Every structure is written in structure tokens, then in C-alpha cells.
């Protein structure tokens, strides 16, 4: 049967449209598969790890037991240093001691909050206060937290006034800082998390400088 050009044109148009639709659906399916794969770490070289790290804080990246121990122990260690610094108000006489106490509070308070955030992001338990941690007192035996003051030391510092407080504070804080530096050096050596190791480096730098300052204070008191 003869088919005129006029009657076959609509059919060719419909066929072409159908082919185009099938092609569009096929391309769309391929495109959605690529998008899904690109959101999965490791599916594309160089893009998976970047996407994963950008969606979560750096402190929740790679970490090991040394990082966890560093945070869990440095928190109460810092808390005791802050407690010692707070005692300077109304007791310290030397201006440098007052300035040093203020610097300790300013630096170590925020660091405590930072480390608590790490432990939360790592899914690890936080730390209680220094006084509530069995075996964490200075001289108690078997402690891994060097430089921690005993209850007796803290009571003596609290009872001191003026120059007596200044001398006791400086000597106790030197011991305390040396303990923190030991812990930070261990983290730099054995830790894995970049943020934790960076904070450890900050502790070493800042507290080494403060020890030198306190030694100068003791030399003139």
C-alpha cells in the first residue's frame, strides 16, 4: 500500500521523539550512578577521602589509643592547673605571678573544651575532675600523670598568702608544667591525630616558656 509523505511524517517524528526519550533516560541513569559513586569514599581516586574529611571535623579523623589517653589525662591535668591559677586571686602578691596565673586560665580553659570535643567526636569517654580520678594524684604510685599535685599540696597552696603563696605557686606550677610537657612529648611521639599532636606541640612550647619565667620569679623572691 502506498503511503504519502504527509502521512508518514508524523510517524517519523514520533519515532524520533521516542528514540530521544529512551536516550535521555539512559543518560540520566548513567549520570545518577556516577553521582552516587562519587559520594562514596574510595570510589574515585583522590575525591573520596576529601569528601569524607570535609563533612566532619578534623579532630574526628584518624586517631589511636595514645591520642585518646592524651586527651583523657590532659583534661584533668589542665583542670588542676586552672584550679591552682584561680587561687592566685586574693593570695598572690607578685605581679608576674598574677599575670602567669591569668595566662594559665586563659590558655588551658579553652584547651579543656577542645579536648572534650575530640573525645566526643571519637566516641570515647571523657574525663572527670582531677580530684575524682583514682590513682591520678601526685605520689600515689603507678600514675601516668606526672606533675599532679596531691590534696595536701593543694590545701597548703590555698592556705598561703603573699610572697609565701608566690613561691609555692611558682614551684608547684613548674612541677605541674614539667608533667604536662612529658605527657605532650609522649603524644607527639606516639599519637596519630594531627590536631592532638598540634596541641601537644603548643603545650610544650608555651609551658616551657612559662617554666623559664617561673624560675626567674623564684630567683628574685
N, C-alpha and C. Protein backbone atom coordinates (compact mmCIF):
# COMPACT_ATOMS: atom_id res chain seq x y z
N UNK A 1 0.86 -1.19 0.00
CA UNK A 1 0.00 0.00 0.00
C UNK A 1 0.88 1.22 0.00
N UNK A 2 0.53 2.19 -0.80
CA UNK A 2 1.30 3.41 -0.93
C UNK A 2 1.02 4.33 0.25
N UNK A 3 2.08 4.88 0.83
CA UNK A 3 1.95 5.82 1.95
C UNK A 3 2.48 7.16 1.51
N UNK A 4 1.68 8.18 1.63
CA UNK A 4 2.09 9.51 1.19
C UNK A 4 3.09 10.10 2.16
N UNK A 5 3.98 11.01 1.71
CA UNK A 5 4.93 11.69 2.60
C UNK A 5 4.23 12.40 3.74
N UNK A 6 3.04 12.96 3.50
CA UNK A 6 2.34 13.69 4.55
C UNK A 6 1.94 12.78 5.69
N UNK A 7 1.47 11.52 5.37
CA UNK A 7 1.01 10.62 6.44
C UNK A 7 2.17 9.97 7.17
N UNK A 8 3.34 9.81 6.53
CA UNK A 8 4.47 9.15 7.20
C UNK A 8 5.29 10.11 8.04
N UNK A 9 5.20 11.40 7.81
CA UNK A 9 6.00 12.39 8.56
C UNK A 9 5.70 12.35 10.05
N UNK A 10 4.39 12.34 10.44
CA UNK A 10 4.12 12.28 11.88
C UNK A 10 4.70 11.02 12.52
N UNK A 11 4.64 9.90 11.78
CA UNK A 11 5.17 8.66 12.36
C UNK A 11 6.67 8.77 12.59
N UNK A 12 7.38 9.37 11.58
CA UNK A 12 8.84 9.51 11.76
C UNK A 12 9.14 10.45 12.92
N UNK A 13 8.32 11.46 13.11
CA UNK A 13 8.54 12.41 14.21
C UNK A 13 8.34 11.73 15.56
N UNK A 14 7.26 10.89 15.63
CA UNK A 14 7.00 10.17 16.88
C UNK A 14 8.13 9.19 17.19
N UNK A 15 8.61 8.51 16.14
CA UNK A 15 9.69 7.53 16.35
C UNK A 15 10.95 8.22 16.83
N UNK A 16 11.24 9.37 16.23
CA UNK A 16 12.44 10.12 16.62
C UNK A 16 12.30 10.59 18.05
N UNK A 17 11.10 11.06 18.40
CA UNK A 17 10.88 11.52 19.77
C UNK A 17 11.05 10.39 20.77
N UNK A 18 10.54 9.19 20.41
CA UNK A 18 10.68 8.04 21.29
C UNK A 18 12.13 7.66 21.49
N UNK A 19 12.88 7.67 20.40
CA UNK A 19 14.31 7.35 20.49
C UNK A 19 15.04 8.33 21.38
N UNK A 20 14.71 9.61 21.23
CA UNK A 20 15.34 10.65 22.05
C UNK A 20 15.02 10.45 23.51
N UNK A 21 13.76 10.08 23.79
CA UNK A 21 13.36 9.89 25.19
C UNK A 21 14.12 8.74 25.81
N UNK A 22 14.24 7.64 25.07
CA UNK A 22 14.98 6.48 25.57
C UNK A 22 16.43 6.84 25.83
N UNK A 23 17.03 7.60 24.90
CA UNK A 23 18.41 8.02 25.05
C UNK A 23 18.58 8.90 26.29
N UNK A 24 17.63 9.81 26.50
CA UNK A 24 17.70 10.72 27.65
C UNK A 24 17.62 9.95 28.95
N UNK A 25 16.70 8.96 29.02
CA UNK A 25 16.57 8.14 30.22
C UNK A 25 17.84 7.36 30.50
N UNK A 26 18.45 6.83 29.41
CA UNK A 26 19.68 6.06 29.57
C UNK A 26 20.80 6.92 30.13
N UNK A 27 20.95 8.13 29.57
CA UNK A 27 21.99 9.05 30.04
C UNK A 27 21.73 9.47 31.48
N UNK A 28 20.45 9.68 31.81
CA UNK A 28 20.12 10.07 33.18
C UNK A 28 20.49 8.97 34.16
N UNK A 29 20.22 7.73 33.78
CA UNK A 29 20.56 6.60 34.65
C UNK A 29 22.05 6.51 34.86
N UNK A 30 22.81 6.72 33.80
CA UNK A 30 24.27 6.69 33.92
C UNK A 30 24.76 7.81 34.80
N UNK A 31 24.16 9.00 34.62
CA UNK A 31 24.58 10.15 35.42
C UNK A 31 24.30 9.94 36.88
N UNK A 32 23.14 9.37 37.23
CA UNK A 32 22.83 9.16 38.63
C UNK A 32 23.75 8.14 39.24
N UNK A 33 24.20 7.18 38.49
CA UNK A 33 25.13 6.18 39.03
C UNK A 33 26.46 6.80 39.35
N UNK A 34 26.98 7.71 38.48
CA UNK A 34 28.24 8.36 38.74
C UNK A 34 28.16 9.24 39.97
N UNK A 35 27.04 9.95 40.15
CA UNK A 35 26.88 10.83 41.30
C UNK A 35 26.89 10.04 42.59
N UNK A 36 26.23 8.91 42.59
CA UNK A 36 26.18 8.08 43.79
C UNK A 36 27.56 7.55 44.13
N UNK A 37 28.30 7.09 43.10
CA UNK A 37 29.64 6.55 43.35
C UNK A 37 30.58 7.62 43.87
N UNK A 38 30.44 8.87 43.34
CA UNK A 38 31.36 9.92 43.75
C UNK A 38 31.15 10.33 45.19
N UNK A 39 29.99 10.00 45.77
CA UNK A 39 29.76 10.34 47.16
C UNK A 39 30.25 9.27 48.11
N UNK A 40 30.77 8.19 47.57
CA UNK A 40 31.26 7.08 48.39
C UNK A 40 32.77 7.13 48.44
N UNK A 41 33.34 7.27 49.66
CA UNK A 41 34.80 7.32 49.79
C UNK A 41 35.46 6.12 49.14
N UNK A 42 36.50 6.40 48.37
CA UNK A 42 37.26 5.32 47.76
C UNK A 42 36.80 4.95 46.37
N UNK A 43 35.66 5.51 45.92
CA UNK A 43 35.15 5.14 44.61
C UNK A 43 35.87 5.87 43.49
N UNK A 44 36.41 7.09 43.78
CA UNK A 44 37.14 7.84 42.78
C UNK A 44 38.47 8.25 43.37
N UNK A 45 39.54 8.05 42.70
CA UNK A 45 40.87 8.35 43.19
C UNK A 45 40.99 9.83 43.51
N UNK A 46 41.36 10.13 44.74
CA UNK A 46 41.61 11.50 45.14
C UNK A 46 40.38 12.27 45.56
N UNK A 47 39.18 11.76 45.34
CA UNK A 47 37.99 12.52 45.68
C UNK A 47 37.26 11.96 46.89
N UNK A 48 37.35 10.67 47.12
CA UNK A 48 36.60 10.05 48.21
C UNK A 48 37.04 10.55 49.57
N UNK A 49 38.35 10.53 49.86
CA UNK A 49 38.82 10.93 51.18
C UNK A 49 38.59 12.41 51.42
N UNK A 50 38.68 13.23 50.38
CA UNK A 50 38.46 14.66 50.54
C UNK A 50 37.02 14.94 50.92
N UNK A 51 36.09 14.24 50.28
CA UNK A 51 34.68 14.44 50.60
C UNK A 51 34.39 14.02 52.02
N UNK A 52 34.99 12.92 52.45
CA UNK A 52 34.74 12.42 53.80
C UNK A 52 35.28 13.38 54.84
N UNK A 53 36.49 13.93 54.60
CA UNK A 53 37.10 14.80 55.60
C UNK A 53 36.41 16.15 55.66
N UNK A 54 35.85 16.61 54.55
CA UNK A 54 35.21 17.92 54.55
C UNK A 54 33.87 17.90 55.26
N UNK A 55 33.27 16.73 55.43
CA UNK A 55 31.97 16.65 56.05
C UNK A 55 32.05 16.42 57.54
N UNK A 56 33.26 16.27 58.10
CA UNK A 56 33.41 16.03 59.52
C UNK A 56 34.62 16.80 60.03
N UNK A 57 34.65 17.18 61.33
CA UNK A 57 35.78 17.93 61.87
C UNK A 57 37.06 17.13 61.82
N UNK A 58 38.17 17.84 61.70
CA UNK A 58 39.46 17.15 61.58
C UNK A 58 39.78 16.33 62.81
N UNK A 59 39.25 16.74 63.97
CA UNK A 59 39.53 16.00 65.19
C UNK A 59 38.89 14.62 65.19
N UNK A 60 37.92 14.38 64.28
CA UNK A 60 37.30 13.07 64.19
C UNK A 60 37.97 12.21 63.13
N UNK A 61 39.14 12.66 62.65
CA UNK A 61 39.90 11.88 61.68
C UNK A 61 40.62 10.73 62.35
N UNK A 62 41.70 10.31 61.76
CA UNK A 62 42.43 9.17 62.28
C UNK A 62 42.98 9.45 63.66
N UNK A 63 42.83 8.50 64.57
CA UNK A 63 43.36 8.64 65.91
C UNK A 63 43.70 7.26 66.45
N UNK A 64 44.50 7.21 67.51
CA UNK A 64 44.83 5.93 68.13
C UNK A 64 44.70 6.04 69.64
N UNK A 65 45.08 4.98 70.33
CA UNK A 65 44.92 4.96 71.79
C UNK A 65 45.75 6.04 72.48
N UNK A 66 46.90 6.37 71.90
CA UNK A 66 47.74 7.42 72.50
C UNK A 66 47.03 8.77 72.47
N UNK A 67 46.30 9.05 71.38
CA UNK A 67 45.54 10.29 71.28
C UNK A 67 44.44 10.34 72.34
N UNK A 68 43.74 9.23 72.52
CA UNK A 68 42.66 9.16 73.49
C UNK A 68 43.21 9.34 74.91
N UNK A 69 44.29 8.64 75.22
CA UNK A 69 44.90 8.76 76.54
C UNK A 69 45.38 10.18 76.81
N UNK A 70 45.97 10.80 75.80
CA UNK A 70 46.45 12.17 75.93
C UNK A 70 45.30 13.10 76.33
N UNK A 71 44.19 13.02 75.62
CA UNK A 71 43.06 13.89 75.91
C UNK A 71 42.44 13.57 77.26
N UNK A 72 42.23 12.28 77.54
CA UNK A 72 41.58 11.89 78.79
C UNK A 72 42.40 12.28 80.01
N UNK A 73 43.72 12.25 79.91
CA UNK A 73 44.56 12.58 81.05
C UNK A 73 44.91 14.07 81.11
N UNK A 74 45.06 14.70 79.95
CA UNK A 74 45.41 16.11 79.95
C UNK A 74 44.25 16.99 80.42
N UNK A 75 43.02 16.54 80.25
CA UNK A 75 41.87 17.31 80.72
C UNK A 75 41.94 17.53 82.23
N UNK A 76 42.01 16.47 83.05
CA UNK A 76 42.10 16.71 84.50
C UNK A 76 43.42 17.38 84.90
N UNK A 77 44.48 17.15 84.13
CA UNK A 77 45.75 17.81 84.41
C UNK A 77 45.60 19.32 84.23
N UNK A 78 44.97 19.72 83.14
CA UNK A 78 44.68 21.13 82.90
C UNK A 78 43.73 21.69 83.96
N UNK A 79 42.74 20.88 84.34
CA UNK A 79 41.76 21.35 85.32
C UNK A 79 42.44 21.70 86.64
N UNK A 80 43.41 20.90 87.04
CA UNK A 80 44.11 21.21 88.28
C UNK A 80 44.96 22.47 88.14
N UNK A 81 45.59 22.65 86.97
CA UNK A 81 46.37 23.86 86.74
C UNK A 81 45.48 25.10 86.82
N UNK A 82 44.29 25.02 86.25
CA UNK A 82 43.35 26.13 86.31
C UNK A 82 42.91 26.38 87.75
N UNK A 83 42.69 25.30 88.49
CA UNK A 83 42.32 25.44 89.91
C UNK A 83 43.43 26.15 90.70
N UNK A 84 44.67 25.78 90.43
CA UNK A 84 45.80 26.44 91.08
C UNK A 84 45.86 27.92 90.69
N UNK A 85 45.63 28.21 89.42
CA UNK A 85 45.68 29.58 88.95
C UNK A 85 44.58 30.43 89.58
N UNK A 86 43.41 29.86 89.76
CA UNK A 86 42.30 30.59 90.35
C UNK A 86 42.60 30.98 91.81
N UNK A 87 43.44 30.20 92.47
CA UNK A 87 43.80 30.50 93.87
C UNK A 87 44.64 31.77 93.98
N UNK A 88 45.25 32.20 92.90
CA UNK A 88 46.10 33.39 92.93
C UNK A 88 45.29 34.65 93.23
N UNK A 89 44.02 34.64 92.88
CA UNK A 89 43.17 35.81 93.13
C UNK A 89 43.00 36.01 94.63
N UNK A 90 43.52 37.12 95.13
CA UNK A 90 43.41 37.43 96.55
C UNK A 90 44.52 36.84 97.40
N UNK A 91 45.42 36.03 96.79
CA UNK A 91 46.51 35.43 97.55
C UNK A 91 47.88 35.84 97.02
N UNK A 92 48.00 35.92 95.70
CA UNK A 92 49.29 36.27 95.10
C UNK A 92 49.63 37.74 95.36
N UNK A 93 50.93 38.01 95.51
CA UNK A 93 51.41 39.38 95.70
C UNK A 93 52.22 39.86 94.50
N UNK A 94 53.04 38.99 93.94
CA UNK A 94 53.93 39.37 92.84
C UNK A 94 53.12 39.57 91.56
N UNK A 95 53.32 40.70 90.86
CA UNK A 95 52.58 40.97 89.61
C UNK A 95 52.82 39.91 88.53
N UNK A 96 54.05 39.39 88.45
CA UNK A 96 54.34 38.37 87.44
C UNK A 96 53.62 37.07 87.73
N UNK A 97 53.48 36.76 89.00
CA UNK A 97 52.73 35.55 89.39
C UNK A 97 51.26 35.73 89.01
N UNK A 98 50.72 36.92 89.27
CA UNK A 98 49.32 37.19 88.91
C UNK A 98 49.12 37.08 87.39
N UNK A 99 50.08 37.64 86.64
CA UNK A 99 49.98 37.57 85.17
C UNK A 99 50.07 36.13 84.68
N UNK A 100 50.96 35.36 85.30
CA UNK A 100 51.14 33.96 84.90
C UNK A 100 49.88 33.15 85.19
N UNK A 101 49.28 33.38 86.35
CA UNK A 101 48.05 32.67 86.70
C UNK A 101 46.95 32.99 85.70
N UNK A 102 46.85 34.26 85.31
CA UNK A 102 45.83 34.65 84.33
C UNK A 102 46.09 33.98 82.98
N UNK A 103 47.36 33.86 82.61
CA UNK A 103 47.72 33.23 81.33
C UNK A 103 47.36 31.75 81.33
N UNK A 104 47.57 31.09 82.46
CA UNK A 104 47.23 29.67 82.58
C UNK A 104 45.73 29.46 82.39
N UNK A 105 44.93 30.29 83.07
CA UNK A 105 43.48 30.18 82.93
C UNK A 105 43.04 30.43 81.48
N UNK A 106 43.61 31.46 80.87
CA UNK A 106 43.22 31.84 79.52
C UNK A 106 43.55 30.76 78.50
N UNK A 107 44.70 30.11 78.66
CA UNK A 107 45.14 29.11 77.68
C UNK A 107 44.51 27.75 77.91
N UNK A 108 44.50 27.32 79.16
CA UNK A 108 44.13 25.92 79.42
C UNK A 108 42.64 25.68 79.51
N UNK A 109 41.87 26.71 79.86
CA UNK A 109 40.41 26.54 79.87
C UNK A 109 39.86 26.14 78.50
N UNK A 110 40.18 26.91 77.45
CA UNK A 110 39.71 26.54 76.11
C UNK A 110 40.26 25.21 75.63
N UNK A 111 41.50 24.87 76.01
CA UNK A 111 42.08 23.59 75.59
C UNK A 111 41.31 22.42 76.19
N UNK A 112 40.80 22.61 77.41
CA UNK A 112 39.97 21.57 78.03
C UNK A 112 38.72 21.33 77.17
N UNK A 113 38.07 22.41 76.76
CA UNK A 113 36.87 22.29 75.92
C UNK A 113 37.19 21.61 74.59
N UNK A 114 38.34 21.96 74.01
CA UNK A 114 38.75 21.36 72.74
C UNK A 114 38.93 19.86 72.88
N UNK A 115 39.62 19.43 73.91
CA UNK A 115 39.88 18.00 74.10
C UNK A 115 38.60 17.23 74.42
N UNK A 116 37.69 17.85 75.14
CA UNK A 116 36.40 17.20 75.39
C UNK A 116 35.66 16.98 74.07
N UNK A 117 35.75 17.97 73.18
CA UNK A 117 35.13 17.82 71.87
C UNK A 117 35.73 16.68 71.07
N UNK A 118 37.05 16.51 71.15
CA UNK A 118 37.70 15.40 70.47
C UNK A 118 37.15 14.07 70.96
N UNK A 119 37.14 13.90 72.27
CA UNK A 119 36.69 12.63 72.84
C UNK A 119 35.25 12.32 72.43
N UNK A 120 34.44 13.34 72.37
CA UNK A 120 33.05 13.13 71.94
C UNK A 120 32.99 12.70 70.49
N UNK A 121 33.78 13.36 69.62
CA UNK A 121 33.77 13.01 68.21
C UNK A 121 34.39 11.64 67.96
N UNK A 122 35.30 11.23 68.84
CA UNK A 122 35.92 9.92 68.71
C UNK A 122 35.08 8.80 69.33
N UNK A 123 34.00 9.18 70.03
CA UNK A 123 33.17 8.18 70.68
C UNK A 123 33.84 7.55 71.87
N UNK A 124 34.67 8.34 72.56
CA UNK A 124 35.38 7.84 73.74
C UNK A 124 34.93 8.60 74.97
N UNK A 125 34.96 7.96 76.14
CA UNK A 125 34.50 8.63 77.37
C UNK A 125 35.41 9.80 77.73
N UNK A 126 34.81 10.82 78.32
CA UNK A 126 35.58 11.97 78.77
C UNK A 126 36.24 11.69 80.10
N UNK A 127 36.77 12.75 80.70
CA UNK A 127 37.46 12.62 81.97
C UNK A 127 36.69 13.35 83.05
N UNK A 128 36.79 12.83 84.26
CA UNK A 128 36.20 13.52 85.39
C UNK A 128 37.21 14.53 85.91
N UNK A 129 36.91 15.21 86.97
CA UNK A 129 37.85 16.17 87.53
C UNK A 129 39.04 15.44 88.11
N UNK A 130 40.14 16.16 88.28
CA UNK A 130 41.37 15.53 88.76
C UNK A 130 41.18 14.89 90.12
N UNK A 131 40.43 15.56 91.01
CA UNK A 131 40.26 15.04 92.37
C UNK A 131 39.40 13.79 92.40
N UNK A 132 38.66 13.53 91.32
CA UNK A 132 37.79 12.36 91.31
C UNK A 132 38.35 11.18 90.54
N UNK A 133 39.62 11.24 90.17
CA UNK A 133 40.23 10.17 89.40
C UNK A 133 41.19 9.37 90.26
N UNK A 134 40.80 8.15 90.67
CA UNK A 134 41.67 7.33 91.50
C UNK A 134 43.01 7.09 90.83
N UNK A 135 44.09 7.18 91.63
CA UNK A 135 45.42 6.88 91.12
C UNK A 135 46.02 7.98 90.29
N UNK A 136 45.36 9.14 90.22
CA UNK A 136 45.86 10.22 89.39
C UNK A 136 46.51 11.32 90.22
N UNK A 137 46.68 11.11 91.51
CA UNK A 137 47.31 12.11 92.35
C UNK A 137 48.81 11.95 92.35
N UNK A 138 49.52 13.07 92.52
CA UNK A 138 50.97 13.05 92.56
C UNK A 138 51.43 12.20 93.74
N UNK A 139 52.33 11.26 93.47
CA UNK A 139 52.89 10.43 94.53
C UNK A 139 52.03 9.27 94.95
N UNK A 140 50.94 9.02 94.24
CA UNK A 140 50.05 7.92 94.63
C UNK A 140 50.55 6.58 94.16
N UNK A 141 51.50 6.60 93.23
CA UNK A 141 52.08 5.34 92.76
C UNK A 141 51.38 4.84 91.53
N UNK A 142 52.16 4.54 90.49
CA UNK A 142 51.60 3.94 89.28
C UNK A 142 50.86 4.92 88.39
N UNK A 143 50.92 6.21 88.71
CA UNK A 143 50.19 7.17 87.88
C UNK A 143 50.96 7.49 86.61
N UNK A 144 50.23 7.73 85.53
CA UNK A 144 50.84 8.14 84.27
C UNK A 144 50.77 9.65 84.11
N UNK A 145 50.25 10.35 85.11
CA UNK A 145 50.05 11.79 85.01
C UNK A 145 51.07 12.51 85.90
N UNK A 146 52.25 12.67 85.37
CA UNK A 146 53.32 13.31 86.12
C UNK A 146 52.98 14.76 86.42
N UNK A 147 53.39 15.20 87.61
CA UNK A 147 53.22 16.59 87.99
C UNK A 147 51.93 16.92 88.70
N UNK A 148 51.03 15.97 88.85
CA UNK A 148 49.78 16.24 89.54
C UNK A 148 50.05 16.47 91.03
N UNK A 149 49.38 17.47 91.59
CA UNK A 149 49.52 17.79 93.00
C UNK A 149 48.58 16.95 93.85
N UNK A 150 49.04 16.61 95.05
CA UNK A 150 48.20 15.86 95.99
C UNK A 150 47.20 16.81 96.65
N UNK A 151 46.24 16.27 97.36
CA UNK A 151 45.28 17.09 98.09
C UNK A 151 46.00 17.94 99.14
N UNK A 152 47.04 17.37 99.74
CA UNK A 152 47.80 18.11 100.76
C UNK A 152 48.49 19.33 100.15
N UNK A 153 49.06 19.15 98.96
CA UNK A 153 49.70 20.27 98.28
C UNK A 153 48.69 21.37 97.97
N UNK A 154 47.54 20.97 97.49
CA UNK A 154 46.52 21.96 97.13
C UNK A 154 46.01 22.71 98.36
N UNK A 155 45.86 22.00 99.48
CA UNK A 155 45.41 22.64 100.71
C UNK A 155 46.46 23.63 101.21
N UNK A 156 47.74 23.27 101.10
CA UNK A 156 48.81 24.16 101.53
C UNK A 156 48.85 25.42 100.66
N UNK A 157 48.65 25.25 99.37
CA UNK A 157 48.65 26.41 98.47
C UNK A 157 47.48 27.32 98.79
N UNK A 158 46.35 26.73 99.05
CA UNK A 158 45.15 27.51 99.36
C UNK A 158 45.32 28.30 100.65
N UNK A 159 46.09 27.77 101.59
CA UNK A 159 46.28 28.44 102.89
C UNK A 159 47.36 29.53 102.85
N UNK A 160 48.18 29.55 101.80
CA UNK A 160 49.29 30.50 101.72
C UNK A 160 48.82 31.88 101.26
N UNK A 161 49.62 32.88 101.62
CA UNK A 161 49.31 34.26 101.25
C UNK A 161 50.59 35.00 100.87
N UNK A 162 50.45 36.01 100.03
CA UNK A 162 51.56 36.89 99.71
C UNK A 162 52.74 36.19 99.08
N UNK A 163 53.94 36.55 99.55
CA UNK A 163 55.17 36.00 98.99
C UNK A 163 55.25 34.50 99.18
N UNK A 164 54.74 34.03 100.30
CA UNK A 164 54.73 32.58 100.55
C UNK A 164 53.92 31.87 99.48
N UNK A 165 52.78 32.45 99.12
CA UNK A 165 51.96 31.87 98.04
C UNK A 165 52.72 31.93 96.73
N UNK A 166 53.33 33.08 96.44
CA UNK A 166 54.04 33.25 95.16
C UNK A 166 55.10 32.17 94.97
N UNK A 167 55.90 31.93 96.01
CA UNK A 167 56.96 30.93 95.92
C UNK A 167 56.38 29.52 95.75
N UNK A 168 55.38 29.22 96.55
CA UNK A 168 54.78 27.89 96.47
C UNK A 168 54.09 27.67 95.12
N UNK A 169 53.39 28.69 94.66
CA UNK A 169 52.69 28.59 93.38
C UNK A 169 53.68 28.35 92.25
N UNK A 170 54.76 29.13 92.22
CA UNK A 170 55.74 29.00 91.14
C UNK A 170 56.37 27.62 91.13
N UNK A 171 56.78 27.12 92.30
CA UNK A 171 57.42 25.82 92.35
C UNK A 171 56.46 24.69 91.98
N UNK A 172 55.24 24.77 92.49
CA UNK A 172 54.25 23.73 92.18
C UNK A 172 53.88 23.76 90.70
N UNK A 173 53.76 24.97 90.15
CA UNK A 173 53.37 25.05 88.74
C UNK A 173 54.50 24.60 87.83
N UNK A 174 55.75 24.79 88.25
CA UNK A 174 56.88 24.26 87.48
C UNK A 174 56.78 22.74 87.41
N UNK A 175 56.56 22.11 88.56
CA UNK A 175 56.42 20.65 88.59
C UNK A 175 55.23 20.21 87.72
N UNK A 176 54.16 20.96 87.83
CA UNK A 176 52.94 20.62 87.08
C UNK A 176 53.19 20.75 85.58
N UNK A 177 53.82 21.83 85.17
CA UNK A 177 54.12 22.04 83.76
C UNK A 177 55.08 20.97 83.22
N UNK A 178 56.06 20.60 84.01
CA UNK A 178 57.00 19.56 83.56
C UNK A 178 56.27 18.25 83.31
N UNK A 179 55.28 17.96 84.15
CA UNK A 179 54.48 16.76 83.93
C UNK A 179 53.68 16.84 82.65
N UNK A 180 53.10 18.02 82.38
CA UNK A 180 52.32 18.20 81.15
C UNK A 180 53.21 18.07 79.92
N UNK A 181 54.42 18.60 80.01
CA UNK A 181 55.34 18.50 78.88
C UNK A 181 55.70 17.05 78.61
N UNK A 182 55.91 16.27 79.66
CA UNK A 182 56.19 14.84 79.49
C UNK A 182 55.05 14.14 78.76
N UNK A 183 53.81 14.44 79.16
CA UNK A 183 52.65 13.85 78.51
C UNK A 183 52.54 14.30 77.05
N UNK A 184 52.82 15.58 76.81
CA UNK A 184 52.74 16.11 75.45
C UNK A 184 53.82 15.51 74.55
N UNK A 185 55.00 15.30 75.10
CA UNK A 185 56.07 14.68 74.31
C UNK A 185 55.70 13.25 73.93
N UNK A 186 55.04 12.55 74.83
CA UNK A 186 54.59 11.19 74.53
C UNK A 186 53.55 11.20 73.41
N UNK A 187 52.66 12.19 73.44
CA UNK A 187 51.66 12.31 72.38
C UNK A 187 52.32 12.63 71.04
N UNK A 188 53.29 13.52 71.05
CA UNK A 188 53.99 13.85 69.79
C UNK A 188 54.69 12.62 69.22
N UNK A 189 55.17 11.75 70.09
CA UNK A 189 55.90 10.57 69.66
C UNK A 189 54.97 9.44 69.22
N UNK A 190 53.90 9.22 69.97
CA UNK A 190 53.07 8.03 69.75
C UNK A 190 51.67 8.31 69.19
N UNK A 191 51.24 9.56 69.22
CA UNK A 191 49.89 9.88 68.75
C UNK A 191 49.78 9.82 67.23
N UNK A 192 48.54 9.86 66.76
CA UNK A 192 48.28 9.80 65.33
C UNK A 192 47.46 10.99 64.84
N UNK A 193 46.56 11.49 65.68
CA UNK A 193 45.67 12.57 65.26
C UNK A 193 46.44 13.88 65.12
N UNK A 194 46.27 14.53 63.99
CA UNK A 194 47.03 15.74 63.69
C UNK A 194 46.71 16.87 64.66
N UNK A 195 45.43 17.02 65.02
CA UNK A 195 45.05 18.09 65.93
C UNK A 195 45.61 17.88 67.33
N UNK A 196 45.56 16.63 67.78
CA UNK A 196 46.08 16.31 69.12
C UNK A 196 47.59 16.54 69.18
N UNK A 197 48.28 16.15 68.13
CA UNK A 197 49.73 16.34 68.10
C UNK A 197 50.09 17.82 68.02
N UNK A 198 49.27 18.59 67.32
CA UNK A 198 49.50 20.04 67.24
C UNK A 198 49.31 20.68 68.61
N UNK A 199 48.26 20.28 69.33
CA UNK A 199 48.04 20.82 70.67
C UNK A 199 49.18 20.43 71.60
N UNK A 200 49.66 19.20 71.46
CA UNK A 200 50.79 18.77 72.28
C UNK A 200 52.00 19.66 72.04
N UNK A 201 52.23 20.03 70.80
CA UNK A 201 53.33 20.92 70.48
C UNK A 201 53.14 22.29 71.11
N UNK A 202 51.89 22.78 71.12
CA UNK A 202 51.60 24.06 71.75
C UNK A 202 51.85 24.01 73.25
N UNK A 203 51.45 22.90 73.87
CA UNK A 203 51.69 22.72 75.31
C UNK A 203 53.19 22.77 75.62
N UNK A 204 53.96 22.07 74.82
CA UNK A 204 55.41 22.03 75.03
C UNK A 204 56.01 23.43 74.90
N UNK A 205 55.65 24.14 73.85
CA UNK A 205 56.21 25.47 73.61
C UNK A 205 55.82 26.46 74.71
N UNK A 206 54.51 26.55 74.98
CA UNK A 206 54.02 27.55 75.94
C UNK A 206 54.47 27.26 77.36
N UNK A 207 54.38 26.00 77.77
CA UNK A 207 54.69 25.70 79.16
C UNK A 207 56.20 25.68 79.42
N UNK A 208 57.00 25.40 78.41
CA UNK A 208 58.45 25.54 78.56
C UNK A 208 58.81 27.00 78.81
N UNK A 209 58.17 27.90 78.08
CA UNK A 209 58.41 29.34 78.27
C UNK A 209 57.95 29.78 79.66
N UNK A 210 56.83 29.25 80.12
CA UNK A 210 56.32 29.62 81.44
C UNK A 210 57.21 29.09 82.56
N UNK A 211 57.79 27.93 82.36
CA UNK A 211 58.72 27.38 83.35
C UNK A 211 59.92 28.31 83.49
N UNK A 212 60.45 28.76 82.38
CA UNK A 212 61.58 29.68 82.42
C UNK A 212 61.21 30.96 83.16
N UNK A 213 60.01 31.46 82.94
CA UNK A 213 59.54 32.67 83.62
C UNK A 213 59.42 32.42 85.12
N UNK A 214 58.88 31.27 85.51
CA UNK A 214 58.71 30.98 86.93
C UNK A 214 60.04 30.77 87.63
N UNK A 215 61.01 30.21 86.93
CA UNK A 215 62.34 30.07 87.51
C UNK A 215 62.96 31.44 87.77
N UNK A 216 62.70 32.39 86.88
CA UNK A 216 63.20 33.76 87.10
C UNK A 216 62.51 34.39 88.30
N UNK A 217 61.19 34.12 88.44
CA UNK A 217 60.45 34.65 89.58
C UNK A 217 61.04 34.10 90.88
N UNK A 218 61.27 32.80 90.93
CA UNK A 218 61.83 32.18 92.13
C UNK A 218 63.23 32.72 92.44
N UNK A 219 63.95 33.07 91.38
CA UNK A 219 65.30 33.57 91.58
C UNK A 219 65.35 34.92 92.26
N UNK A 220 64.29 35.69 92.19
CA UNK A 220 64.29 37.02 92.81
C UNK A 220 63.39 37.13 94.03
N UNK A 221 62.59 36.13 94.32
CA UNK A 221 61.73 36.19 95.51
C UNK A 221 62.53 35.86 96.78
